[in-house]
N, C-alpha and C. Protein backbone atom coordinates (compact mmCIF):
# COMPACT_ATOMS: atom_id res chain seq x y z
N MET A 1 114.00 75.00 309.12
CA MET A 1 112.94 74.47 309.99
C MET A 1 111.62 75.16 309.74
N PRO A 2 110.38 74.35 309.83
CA PRO A 2 109.22 75.17 309.51
C PRO A 2 108.84 75.95 310.57
N THR A 3 108.06 77.06 310.25
CA THR A 3 107.79 77.93 311.44
C THR A 3 106.61 77.54 312.09
N SER A 4 105.84 76.77 311.51
CA SER A 4 104.69 75.88 312.14
C SER A 4 104.80 74.47 311.81
N PHE A 5 103.95 73.68 312.50
CA PHE A 5 104.09 72.16 312.34
C PHE A 5 102.75 71.74 311.72
N THR A 6 102.19 72.27 310.78
CA THR A 6 101.11 71.89 310.04
C THR A 6 101.65 70.96 308.86
N LEU A 7 100.79 70.04 308.44
CA LEU A 7 101.20 69.04 307.56
C LEU A 7 101.75 69.79 306.35
N THR A 8 101.15 70.81 305.80
CA THR A 8 101.63 71.43 304.57
C THR A 8 102.96 72.09 304.87
N ASP A 9 103.02 72.70 306.07
CA ASP A 9 104.41 73.35 306.33
C ASP A 9 105.69 72.22 306.35
N ILE A 10 105.43 71.21 306.91
CA ILE A 10 106.37 70.02 307.10
C ILE A 10 106.82 69.51 305.78
N ARG A 11 105.55 69.50 304.69
CA ARG A 11 105.99 68.89 303.51
C ARG A 11 106.81 69.87 302.56
N ALA A 12 106.39 71.17 302.89
CA ALA A 12 106.98 72.22 302.08
C ALA A 12 108.45 72.21 302.53
N THR A 13 108.73 72.16 303.78
CA THR A 13 110.19 72.24 304.26
C THR A 13 110.85 71.04 303.74
N ALA A 14 110.30 69.79 303.83
CA ALA A 14 110.90 68.61 303.12
C ALA A 14 111.35 68.78 301.80
N THR A 15 110.59 69.33 301.07
CA THR A 15 110.79 69.41 299.53
C THR A 15 112.05 70.40 299.46
N LYS A 16 112.20 71.56 300.14
CA LYS A 16 113.26 72.37 299.94
C LYS A 16 114.46 71.59 300.54
N ILE A 17 114.31 70.73 301.45
CA ILE A 17 115.53 70.07 302.02
C ILE A 17 116.02 68.86 300.79
N PHE A 18 115.21 68.40 300.25
CA PHE A 18 115.36 67.34 299.36
C PHE A 18 115.92 67.93 297.99
N VAL A 19 115.48 69.06 297.60
CA VAL A 19 116.24 69.66 296.42
C VAL A 19 117.61 69.89 296.83
N TRP A 20 118.00 70.33 298.02
CA TRP A 20 119.54 70.49 298.22
C TRP A 20 120.04 69.17 298.33
N VAL A 21 119.40 68.25 298.88
CA VAL A 21 119.96 66.71 298.86
C VAL A 21 120.39 66.27 297.39
N ALA A 22 119.50 66.67 296.45
CA ALA A 22 119.56 66.26 294.99
C ALA A 22 120.77 66.89 294.39
N TRP A 23 121.04 68.18 294.87
CA TRP A 23 122.20 68.63 294.27
C TRP A 23 123.54 68.12 295.09
N ALA A 24 123.44 67.81 296.33
CA ALA A 24 124.52 67.23 297.00
C ALA A 24 124.92 65.80 296.29
N HIS A 25 123.90 65.24 295.83
CA HIS A 25 124.13 63.88 295.14
C HIS A 25 125.14 63.98 293.89
N VAL A 26 125.09 65.34 293.34
CA VAL A 26 125.92 65.64 292.03
C VAL A 26 127.41 65.30 292.55
N LEU A 27 127.81 66.22 293.66
CA LEU A 27 129.15 66.09 294.09
C LEU A 27 129.49 64.74 294.55
N LEU A 28 128.56 64.13 295.34
CA LEU A 28 128.98 62.83 295.99
C LEU A 28 129.14 61.61 295.01
N ALA A 29 128.30 61.85 293.82
CA ALA A 29 128.35 61.00 292.76
C ALA A 29 129.81 60.86 292.16
N GLY A 30 130.38 62.17 291.97
CA GLY A 30 131.76 62.17 291.40
C GLY A 30 132.67 61.63 292.55
N GLY A 31 132.46 61.97 293.63
CA GLY A 31 133.42 61.42 294.62
C GLY A 31 133.44 59.91 294.87
N VAL A 32 132.29 59.29 294.81
CA VAL A 32 132.16 57.80 294.69
C VAL A 32 132.76 57.25 293.65
N ALA A 33 132.65 57.66 292.47
CA ALA A 33 133.24 57.23 291.14
C ALA A 33 134.74 57.38 291.21
N LEU A 34 135.33 58.44 291.87
CA LEU A 34 136.84 58.56 291.92
C LEU A 34 137.38 57.63 292.96
N LEU A 35 136.70 57.29 293.89
CA LEU A 35 137.05 56.48 294.99
C LEU A 35 137.17 55.05 294.37
N ALA A 36 136.27 54.72 293.39
CA ALA A 36 136.26 53.32 292.63
C ALA A 36 137.13 53.39 291.58
N ARG A 37 137.72 54.34 291.18
CA ARG A 37 138.70 54.42 290.00
C ARG A 37 137.69 54.17 288.78
N ASN A 38 136.67 54.97 288.73
CA ASN A 38 135.80 54.92 287.71
C ASN A 38 135.68 56.29 287.05
N ARG A 39 135.04 56.38 285.89
CA ARG A 39 134.79 57.56 285.39
C ARG A 39 133.73 58.44 286.22
N TRP A 40 134.03 59.73 286.40
CA TRP A 40 133.06 60.37 287.17
C TRP A 40 131.98 61.37 286.48
N GLN A 41 132.32 61.34 285.08
CA GLN A 41 131.66 62.27 284.35
C GLN A 41 129.88 61.64 284.04
N GLU A 42 129.97 60.46 283.84
CA GLU A 42 128.52 59.78 283.68
C GLU A 42 127.69 59.74 284.97
N PRO A 43 128.19 59.42 286.05
CA PRO A 43 127.34 59.53 287.34
C PRO A 43 127.04 60.97 287.87
N MET A 44 127.89 61.85 287.52
CA MET A 44 127.75 63.34 287.81
C MET A 44 126.61 63.78 286.99
N ALA A 45 126.66 63.43 285.73
CA ALA A 45 125.67 64.01 284.73
C ALA A 45 124.37 63.51 285.01
N VAL A 46 124.18 62.10 285.39
CA VAL A 46 122.81 61.68 285.62
C VAL A 46 122.27 62.36 286.96
N ALA A 47 123.17 62.43 287.98
CA ALA A 47 122.69 63.09 289.28
C ALA A 47 122.37 64.55 289.04
N LEU A 48 123.02 65.29 288.05
CA LEU A 48 122.85 66.56 287.65
C LEU A 48 121.52 66.82 287.13
N VAL A 49 120.95 65.73 286.25
CA VAL A 49 119.73 65.73 285.51
C VAL A 49 118.55 65.70 286.52
N PHE A 50 118.85 64.78 287.57
CA PHE A 50 117.83 64.69 288.47
C PHE A 50 117.66 65.89 289.48
N ALA A 51 118.90 66.37 289.65
CA ALA A 51 118.86 67.56 290.57
C ALA A 51 118.03 68.84 289.94
N VAL A 52 118.24 68.79 288.60
CA VAL A 52 117.60 70.01 287.87
C VAL A 52 116.05 69.74 287.82
N ILE A 53 115.66 68.38 287.70
CA ILE A 53 114.24 68.03 287.64
C ILE A 53 113.73 68.36 288.86
N ALA A 54 114.28 68.12 290.14
CA ALA A 54 113.73 68.34 291.35
C ALA A 54 113.73 69.80 291.54
N THR A 55 114.57 70.60 291.07
CA THR A 55 114.51 72.14 291.35
C THR A 55 113.42 72.64 290.49
N ILE A 56 113.24 72.24 289.23
CA ILE A 56 112.29 72.88 288.48
C ILE A 56 110.84 72.40 288.99
N ALA A 57 110.67 71.19 289.38
CA ALA A 57 109.48 70.68 289.94
C ALA A 57 109.04 71.45 291.19
N ALA A 58 109.90 71.60 292.08
CA ALA A 58 109.70 72.36 293.37
C ALA A 58 109.45 73.91 293.03
N TRP A 59 110.00 74.36 292.04
CA TRP A 59 109.83 75.78 291.68
C TRP A 59 108.46 76.02 290.98
N LYS A 60 108.10 75.17 290.12
CA LYS A 60 106.91 75.32 289.15
C LYS A 60 105.65 74.54 289.81
N MET A 61 105.68 73.65 290.68
CA MET A 61 104.53 72.85 291.00
C MET A 61 104.14 73.06 292.52
N ARG A 62 102.91 73.06 292.69
CA ARG A 62 102.39 73.21 293.96
C ARG A 62 102.37 71.94 294.66
N ASP A 63 102.58 71.89 296.03
CA ASP A 63 102.72 70.77 296.91
C ASP A 63 101.46 69.79 296.49
N GLY A 64 101.70 68.61 296.39
CA GLY A 64 100.71 67.63 296.10
C GLY A 64 101.39 66.19 295.88
N PHE A 65 100.69 65.30 295.49
CA PHE A 65 101.05 63.94 295.32
C PHE A 65 102.00 64.02 294.04
N ALA A 66 101.74 64.66 293.06
CA ALA A 66 102.68 64.64 291.68
C ALA A 66 103.92 65.13 292.19
N LEU A 67 104.04 66.20 292.88
CA LEU A 67 105.34 66.90 293.09
C LEU A 67 106.09 66.08 294.14
N ARG A 68 105.55 65.65 295.20
CA ARG A 68 106.14 64.56 296.01
C ARG A 68 106.67 63.38 295.39
N SER A 69 105.96 62.82 294.39
CA SER A 69 106.25 61.70 293.60
C SER A 69 107.57 61.93 292.97
N ILE A 70 107.75 63.18 292.23
CA ILE A 70 108.70 63.42 291.31
C ILE A 70 109.94 63.75 292.35
N ILE A 71 109.86 64.37 293.28
CA ILE A 71 111.12 64.41 294.19
C ILE A 71 111.55 63.08 294.79
N ALA A 72 110.62 62.24 295.07
CA ALA A 72 110.95 60.84 295.46
C ALA A 72 111.76 60.06 294.47
N VAL A 73 111.47 60.25 293.24
CA VAL A 73 112.23 59.49 292.19
C VAL A 73 113.57 60.20 292.05
N CYS A 74 113.70 61.53 292.12
CA CYS A 74 114.99 62.25 291.92
C CYS A 74 115.79 61.78 293.11
N ILE A 75 115.28 61.68 294.42
CA ILE A 75 116.09 61.51 295.44
C ILE A 75 116.56 60.06 295.41
N THR A 76 115.60 59.02 294.88
CA THR A 76 116.00 57.60 294.88
C THR A 76 117.09 57.28 293.96
N PHE A 77 117.15 58.35 292.80
CA PHE A 77 118.33 58.18 291.96
C PHE A 77 119.73 58.27 292.63
N GLY A 78 119.68 59.14 293.73
CA GLY A 78 121.01 59.22 294.41
C GLY A 78 121.82 57.84 294.54
N PRO A 79 121.05 56.88 295.40
CA PRO A 79 121.82 55.56 295.76
C PRO A 79 122.06 54.80 294.60
N ILE A 80 121.04 55.01 293.55
CA ILE A 80 121.14 54.35 292.21
C ILE A 80 122.56 54.63 291.52
N VAL A 81 122.76 55.92 291.53
CA VAL A 81 123.96 56.57 290.84
C VAL A 81 125.05 56.02 291.68
N PHE A 82 125.08 56.16 292.97
CA PHE A 82 126.39 55.75 293.73
C PHE A 82 126.61 54.26 293.59
N VAL A 83 125.51 53.53 293.43
CA VAL A 83 125.97 52.06 293.26
C VAL A 83 126.59 51.67 291.90
N TYR A 84 126.16 52.43 290.94
CA TYR A 84 126.65 52.32 289.55
C TYR A 84 128.01 52.94 289.70
N ALA A 85 128.34 54.01 290.31
CA ALA A 85 129.60 54.68 290.25
C ALA A 85 130.62 53.87 291.06
N ALA A 86 130.19 53.04 291.98
CA ALA A 86 131.24 52.20 292.83
C ALA A 86 131.42 50.86 292.37
N ARG A 87 130.82 50.56 291.11
CA ARG A 87 131.05 49.36 290.36
C ARG A 87 132.69 48.87 290.41
N GLY A 88 133.03 47.63 290.38
CA GLY A 88 134.44 47.13 290.34
C GLY A 88 134.82 46.70 291.75
N HIS A 89 135.96 46.20 291.82
CA HIS A 89 136.43 45.62 293.14
C HIS A 89 137.68 46.37 293.71
N PHE A 90 137.70 47.67 293.31
CA PHE A 90 138.79 48.42 293.81
C PHE A 90 138.36 49.93 294.30
N ASN A 91 137.28 49.95 295.16
CA ASN A 91 136.81 51.06 295.60
C ASN A 91 136.97 51.16 297.24
N GLY A 92 136.46 52.23 297.70
CA GLY A 92 136.59 52.46 299.06
C GLY A 92 138.00 53.27 299.33
N ILE A 93 138.15 54.01 300.37
CA ILE A 93 139.08 55.06 300.74
C ILE A 93 140.45 54.53 300.49
N ALA A 94 140.86 53.10 300.96
CA ALA A 94 141.95 52.50 300.87
C ALA A 94 142.27 51.89 299.48
N GLY A 95 141.13 51.79 298.72
CA GLY A 95 141.28 51.40 297.21
C GLY A 95 141.44 49.85 297.09
N ASN A 96 141.36 49.33 298.19
CA ASN A 96 141.46 47.77 298.12
C ASN A 96 140.24 47.06 298.62
N GLY A 97 139.20 47.62 298.73
CA GLY A 97 137.90 47.05 299.23
C GLY A 97 136.83 47.02 298.17
N ASP A 98 135.61 46.60 298.63
CA ASP A 98 134.57 46.49 297.83
C ASP A 98 133.44 47.05 298.40
N TRP A 99 133.24 48.42 298.18
CA TRP A 99 132.17 49.11 298.87
C TRP A 99 130.70 49.12 298.06
N GLN A 100 130.65 48.44 297.05
CA GLN A 100 129.53 48.84 296.19
C GLN A 100 128.29 48.30 297.01
N VAL A 101 128.28 47.17 297.82
CA VAL A 101 127.29 46.85 298.46
C VAL A 101 126.81 47.77 299.72
N ASP A 102 128.01 48.25 300.05
CA ASP A 102 127.65 49.24 301.26
C ASP A 102 126.85 50.55 300.90
N TYR A 103 127.02 50.79 299.75
CA TYR A 103 126.13 52.06 299.21
C TYR A 103 124.76 51.67 299.02
N HIS A 104 124.33 50.36 298.97
CA HIS A 104 123.03 50.17 298.97
C HIS A 104 122.42 50.49 300.43
N MET A 105 123.06 50.83 301.46
CA MET A 105 122.45 51.26 302.70
C MET A 105 121.83 52.53 302.58
N TYR A 106 122.24 53.32 301.62
CA TYR A 106 121.74 54.55 301.27
C TYR A 106 120.28 54.54 300.83
N PHE A 107 119.97 53.53 300.31
CA PHE A 107 118.41 53.30 299.91
C PHE A 107 117.50 53.35 300.98
N PHE A 108 117.92 52.70 302.15
CA PHE A 108 117.31 52.70 303.23
C PHE A 108 117.23 54.08 304.00
N GLY A 109 118.26 54.81 303.82
CA GLY A 109 118.30 56.18 304.16
C GLY A 109 117.34 57.01 303.52
N VAL A 110 117.18 56.69 302.23
CA VAL A 110 116.24 57.62 301.30
C VAL A 110 114.81 57.29 301.84
N PHE A 111 114.37 55.91 302.02
CA PHE A 111 113.27 55.70 302.46
C PHE A 111 112.72 56.55 303.88
N ALA A 112 113.85 56.55 304.78
CA ALA A 112 113.57 57.10 305.96
C ALA A 112 113.43 58.58 305.83
N MET A 113 114.20 59.29 304.87
CA MET A 113 114.01 60.69 304.77
C MET A 113 112.66 61.05 304.12
N LEU A 114 112.21 60.30 303.14
CA LEU A 114 110.94 60.52 302.52
C LEU A 114 109.63 60.37 303.53
N SER A 115 109.97 59.63 304.58
CA SER A 115 108.88 59.77 305.53
C SER A 115 108.61 61.06 306.05
N ALA A 116 109.34 61.98 305.86
CA ALA A 116 109.13 63.38 306.24
C ALA A 116 107.97 63.94 305.44
N TYR A 117 107.50 63.23 304.39
CA TYR A 117 106.42 63.80 303.47
C TYR A 117 105.14 63.15 304.29
N ILE A 118 105.36 62.29 305.16
CA ILE A 118 104.07 61.80 305.85
C ILE A 118 103.04 61.27 304.88
N ASP A 119 103.49 60.66 304.02
CA ASP A 119 102.72 59.83 302.81
C ASP A 119 103.20 58.61 302.39
N TRP A 120 102.73 57.47 302.94
CA TRP A 120 103.20 56.23 302.57
C TRP A 120 103.42 55.82 301.00
N ARG A 121 102.51 56.56 300.27
CA ARG A 121 102.71 56.36 298.91
C ARG A 121 103.97 56.81 298.39
N ILE A 122 104.59 57.78 298.86
CA ILE A 122 105.64 58.37 298.30
C ILE A 122 106.93 57.32 298.66
N ILE A 123 106.79 56.74 299.92
CA ILE A 123 107.83 55.69 300.16
C ILE A 123 107.71 54.45 299.36
N ALA A 124 106.32 54.20 299.05
CA ALA A 124 106.26 53.04 298.31
C ALA A 124 106.79 53.27 296.67
N ILE A 125 106.59 54.44 296.20
CA ILE A 125 107.22 54.81 294.88
C ILE A 125 108.79 54.61 294.83
N SER A 126 109.31 55.12 296.11
CA SER A 126 110.96 54.95 296.16
C SER A 126 111.14 53.46 296.17
N ALA A 127 110.45 52.82 297.04
CA ALA A 127 110.77 51.36 297.13
C ALA A 127 110.49 50.59 295.88
N GLY A 128 109.42 50.91 295.31
CA GLY A 128 109.11 50.26 293.80
C GLY A 128 110.34 50.51 292.76
N LEU A 129 110.64 51.70 292.75
CA LEU A 129 111.80 52.12 291.97
C LEU A 129 113.13 51.42 292.17
N THR A 130 113.44 51.22 293.65
CA THR A 130 114.60 50.52 294.01
C THR A 130 114.47 48.97 293.58
N ALA A 131 113.35 48.22 293.95
CA ALA A 131 113.16 46.98 293.56
C ALA A 131 113.34 46.73 292.04
N GLY A 132 112.71 47.68 291.29
CA GLY A 132 112.89 47.58 289.85
C GLY A 132 114.32 47.71 289.40
N HIS A 133 114.97 48.70 290.05
CA HIS A 133 116.45 48.81 289.48
C HIS A 133 117.24 47.66 289.90
N HIS A 134 116.91 47.06 291.01
CA HIS A 134 117.69 45.93 291.61
C HIS A 134 117.54 44.61 290.72
N LEU A 135 116.27 44.38 290.47
CA LEU A 135 116.10 43.13 289.53
C LEU A 135 116.25 43.43 288.15
N LEU A 136 116.02 44.47 287.58
CA LEU A 136 116.34 44.63 286.26
C LEU A 136 117.87 44.68 285.98
N LEU A 137 118.76 45.22 286.70
CA LEU A 137 120.02 45.42 286.44
C LEU A 137 120.81 44.04 286.94
N ASP A 138 120.19 43.48 287.87
CA ASP A 138 120.89 41.94 288.19
C ASP A 138 120.50 40.95 286.98
N LEU A 139 119.55 41.12 286.42
CA LEU A 139 119.35 40.30 285.25
C LEU A 139 120.00 40.74 283.91
N ILE A 140 120.38 42.05 283.73
CA ILE A 140 121.05 42.56 282.40
C ILE A 140 122.44 42.84 282.78
N VAL A 141 122.69 43.70 283.66
CA VAL A 141 124.12 44.11 283.84
C VAL A 141 124.44 44.13 285.34
N PRO A 142 124.51 42.97 285.90
CA PRO A 142 124.67 42.82 287.33
C PRO A 142 125.74 43.60 287.97
N ALA A 143 126.99 43.71 287.41
CA ALA A 143 128.11 44.28 287.86
C ALA A 143 127.64 45.76 288.26
N ASP A 144 126.59 46.27 287.70
CA ASP A 144 126.16 47.66 287.98
C ASP A 144 125.34 47.82 289.10
N VAL A 145 125.17 46.75 289.81
CA VAL A 145 124.28 46.82 291.06
C VAL A 145 124.78 46.06 292.30
N PHE A 146 125.48 44.81 291.91
CA PHE A 146 126.03 43.97 292.92
C PHE A 146 127.35 43.44 292.41
N PRO A 147 128.31 43.21 293.40
CA PRO A 147 129.61 42.87 293.06
C PRO A 147 129.49 41.40 292.27
N GLN A 148 128.52 40.52 292.65
CA GLN A 148 128.41 39.22 292.11
C GLN A 148 126.92 39.05 291.82
N GLU A 149 126.41 38.49 290.74
CA GLU A 149 125.07 38.50 290.26
C GLU A 149 124.34 37.35 291.16
N GLY A 150 123.14 37.35 291.44
CA GLY A 150 122.39 36.33 292.16
C GLY A 150 121.09 36.99 292.68
N ILE A 151 120.02 36.16 291.99
CA ILE A 151 118.68 36.62 292.42
C ILE A 151 118.29 36.36 293.96
N ASP A 152 119.37 35.71 294.56
CA ASP A 152 118.94 35.43 296.07
C ASP A 152 119.44 36.58 296.93
N ARG A 153 120.37 37.29 296.39
CA ARG A 153 120.82 38.69 296.96
C ARG A 153 119.83 39.61 296.82
N VAL A 154 119.18 39.68 295.59
CA VAL A 154 118.09 40.54 295.35
C VAL A 154 116.90 40.35 296.20
N ALA A 155 116.73 39.07 296.53
CA ALA A 155 115.60 38.80 297.34
C ALA A 155 115.81 39.17 298.91
N LEU A 156 117.06 38.89 299.20
CA LEU A 156 117.53 39.34 300.69
C LEU A 156 117.27 40.83 300.86
N HIS A 157 117.76 41.55 299.73
CA HIS A 157 117.55 43.17 299.92
C HIS A 157 116.18 43.54 299.85
N ALA A 158 115.36 42.78 299.02
CA ALA A 158 113.86 42.89 299.17
C ALA A 158 113.33 42.78 300.35
N ILE A 159 113.70 41.73 301.08
CA ILE A 159 113.03 41.49 302.42
C ILE A 159 113.30 42.61 303.41
N ALA A 160 114.56 43.13 303.36
CA ALA A 160 114.94 44.21 304.07
C ALA A 160 114.00 45.47 303.92
N VAL A 161 113.84 45.62 302.56
CA VAL A 161 113.03 46.84 302.01
C VAL A 161 111.71 46.65 302.69
N VAL A 162 111.00 45.58 302.43
CA VAL A 162 109.72 45.32 302.90
C VAL A 162 109.56 45.55 304.52
N ILE A 163 110.47 45.17 305.18
CA ILE A 163 110.44 45.27 306.68
C ILE A 163 110.48 46.67 307.01
N GLU A 164 111.44 47.39 306.59
CA GLU A 164 111.66 48.89 306.70
C GLU A 164 110.26 49.73 306.18
N CYS A 165 110.05 49.40 305.14
CA CYS A 165 108.98 50.20 304.53
C CYS A 165 107.58 49.99 305.06
N GLY A 166 107.38 48.66 305.66
CA GLY A 166 106.16 48.20 306.12
C GLY A 166 106.00 49.12 307.44
N VAL A 167 107.10 49.33 308.37
CA VAL A 167 107.06 50.01 309.46
C VAL A 167 106.86 51.53 309.19
N LEU A 168 107.65 52.12 308.25
CA LEU A 168 107.25 53.43 307.77
C LEU A 168 105.74 53.71 307.16
N PHE A 169 105.32 52.78 306.46
CA PHE A 169 103.96 52.86 306.04
C PHE A 169 102.94 53.03 307.13
N TRP A 170 103.15 52.23 308.08
CA TRP A 170 102.25 52.25 309.29
C TRP A 170 102.51 53.66 310.11
N LEU A 171 103.81 54.03 310.27
CA LEU A 171 104.19 55.12 311.08
C LEU A 171 103.63 56.34 310.52
N THR A 172 103.85 56.58 309.11
CA THR A 172 103.31 57.72 308.29
C THR A 172 101.92 57.87 308.26
N SER A 173 101.28 56.61 308.19
CA SER A 173 99.64 56.67 308.20
C SER A 173 99.19 57.09 309.54
N ALA A 174 99.85 56.71 310.75
CA ALA A 174 99.30 57.02 312.04
C ALA A 174 99.58 58.52 312.37
N ILE A 175 100.76 59.00 311.75
CA ILE A 175 101.05 60.50 311.98
C ILE A 175 100.10 61.30 311.22
N LYS A 176 99.79 61.01 309.94
CA LYS A 176 98.95 61.72 308.97
C LYS A 176 97.55 61.66 309.70
N THR A 177 97.07 60.58 310.43
CA THR A 177 95.82 60.49 311.11
C THR A 177 95.66 61.55 312.23
N LEU A 178 96.87 61.50 312.98
CA LEU A 178 96.93 62.44 314.04
C LEU A 178 96.80 63.89 313.66
N PHE A 179 97.50 64.18 312.54
CA PHE A 179 97.43 65.56 311.99
C PHE A 179 96.05 65.94 311.68
N LYS A 180 95.32 65.04 311.03
CA LYS A 180 93.98 65.26 310.80
C LYS A 180 92.96 65.43 311.82
N GLN A 181 93.18 64.59 312.94
CA GLN A 181 92.50 64.74 314.20
C GLN A 181 92.91 66.14 314.86
N LEU A 182 94.03 66.50 314.83
CA LEU A 182 94.49 67.67 315.37
C LEU A 182 93.88 68.95 314.55
N GLU A 183 93.86 68.84 313.24
CA GLU A 183 93.28 69.82 312.46
C GLU A 183 91.68 69.93 312.79
N GLU A 184 91.07 68.87 312.96
CA GLU A 184 89.60 68.80 313.28
C GLU A 184 89.37 69.40 314.78
N LEU A 185 90.29 69.08 315.54
CA LEU A 185 90.13 69.71 317.07
C LEU A 185 90.36 71.23 317.01
N VAL A 186 91.16 71.69 316.27
CA VAL A 186 91.47 73.23 316.05
C VAL A 186 90.28 73.84 315.57
N ASN A 187 89.87 73.26 314.34
CA ASN A 187 88.68 73.87 313.66
C ASN A 187 87.48 73.85 314.65
N PHE A 188 87.26 72.55 315.34
CA PHE A 188 85.95 72.66 316.24
C PHE A 188 86.20 73.71 317.40
N THR A 189 87.46 73.85 317.87
CA THR A 189 87.79 74.75 319.05
C THR A 189 87.50 76.14 318.55
N SER A 190 88.02 76.47 317.33
CA SER A 190 87.82 77.73 316.64
C SER A 190 86.45 78.05 316.50
N ARG A 191 85.57 77.06 315.96
CA ARG A 191 84.19 77.42 315.86
C ARG A 191 83.44 77.69 317.18
N GLU A 192 83.86 76.91 318.07
CA GLU A 192 83.25 77.12 319.50
C GLU A 192 83.67 78.35 320.13
N THR A 193 85.00 78.80 319.93
CA THR A 193 85.27 80.03 320.42
C THR A 193 84.66 81.31 319.67
N ALA A 194 84.38 81.12 318.54
CA ALA A 194 83.86 82.15 317.60
C ALA A 194 82.29 82.24 318.12
N GLU A 195 81.72 81.24 318.44
CA GLU A 195 80.37 81.26 318.82
C GLU A 195 80.13 81.84 320.21
N VAL A 196 80.99 81.53 321.15
CA VAL A 196 81.04 82.02 322.49
C VAL A 196 81.29 83.66 322.28
N LEU A 197 82.25 84.08 321.53
CA LEU A 197 82.47 85.44 321.41
C LEU A 197 81.24 86.16 320.85
N ILE A 198 80.58 85.62 319.86
CA ILE A 198 79.42 86.07 319.18
C ILE A 198 78.22 86.24 320.26
N ARG A 199 78.12 85.31 321.01
CA ARG A 199 77.11 85.25 322.23
C ARG A 199 77.41 86.34 323.10
N GLU A 200 78.68 86.50 323.60
CA GLU A 200 79.21 87.48 324.37
C GLU A 200 78.86 88.96 323.90
N ALA A 201 79.11 89.03 322.61
CA ALA A 201 78.87 90.41 321.92
C ALA A 201 77.59 90.83 321.96
N GLU A 202 76.65 89.67 321.69
CA GLU A 202 75.17 90.00 321.73
C GLU A 202 74.71 90.32 323.06
N VAL A 203 75.17 89.76 324.12
CA VAL A 203 74.95 90.03 325.54
C VAL A 203 75.32 91.21 325.84
N ASN A 204 76.44 91.71 325.51
CA ASN A 204 76.87 92.92 325.79
C ASN A 204 76.15 94.04 325.16
N ALA A 205 75.87 93.76 323.85
CA ALA A 205 74.99 94.81 323.10
C ALA A 205 73.70 94.88 323.73
N ALA A 206 73.10 93.74 324.17
CA ALA A 206 71.76 93.85 324.89
C ALA A 206 71.72 94.69 326.12
N LEU A 207 72.95 94.47 326.78
CA LEU A 207 73.06 95.21 328.13
C LEU A 207 73.33 96.76 327.97
N GLN A 208 73.98 96.87 327.06
CA GLN A 208 74.26 98.28 326.48
C GLN A 208 73.10 99.01 326.22
N ALA A 209 72.21 98.23 325.48
CA ALA A 209 71.07 98.88 324.99
C ALA A 209 70.03 99.12 326.09
N GLN A 210 69.94 98.19 327.17
CA GLN A 210 69.14 98.33 328.39
C GLN A 210 69.67 99.46 329.05
N LEU A 211 70.97 99.69 329.15
CA LEU A 211 71.74 100.75 330.04
C LEU A 211 71.36 101.98 329.35
N ASP A 212 71.45 102.14 327.99
CA ASP A 212 71.17 103.39 327.33
C ASP A 212 69.71 103.79 327.50
N HIS A 213 68.86 102.77 327.39
CA HIS A 213 67.35 103.05 327.56
C HIS A 213 67.09 103.47 329.10
N ALA A 214 67.61 102.86 330.01
CA ALA A 214 67.58 103.31 331.55
C ALA A 214 68.17 104.79 331.76
N LEU A 215 69.19 105.11 331.13
CA LEU A 215 69.64 106.45 331.26
C LEU A 215 68.97 107.40 330.53
N SER A 216 68.26 106.98 329.47
CA SER A 216 67.40 107.98 328.87
C SER A 216 66.00 108.24 329.49
N ALA A 217 65.57 107.23 330.19
CA ALA A 217 64.41 107.40 330.96
C ALA A 217 64.57 108.30 332.23
N ALA A 218 65.74 108.03 332.78
CA ALA A 218 66.27 108.74 334.04
C ALA A 218 66.19 110.21 333.76
N LYS A 219 66.48 110.73 332.53
CA LYS A 219 66.66 112.15 332.33
C LYS A 219 65.32 112.94 332.28
């Protein structure tokens, strides 16, 4: 948890959490693949690559749009890998269900997590990557994204993404504005307090000078 609630502190803490989430994706990708009776090596390898990228970026880069964008891409590849790992019609704990579509719900979880950056652009990057992934794979290798191909299903998911991200865009923009207003208020209060203290110091100095003068004259 952040020690203070400045925008910078919250974003720094979010980055640390997301790096750990990226590493968790490595193990989860293998688990999803095993449940689906698929090879676990490829999903885990892809997840590992993005976990390493997220770690290096968080280690070497200062907080900013570039770092947050890289982390967003790395985190979004979590559900992308899960959906790929769950391809086929024999996944799920019982082994006789089709959970590939269910793993798509994690995309929405990622959008919600990225709202911790309080930057609508980062959510937009994740949503754009998700849309491109869905559309491209549905046209080329539909089994890697949906149990049955169909642009209508892609459109339905796109509508859900637009609805959620639209609210998150508005919410994060509003929170960012509130933080800016709070920072301005704090700065204003600090300046006013400093001016008051300076004036008090000047008055005290003047009174002390008068007192010293009066004492000297009385001697």
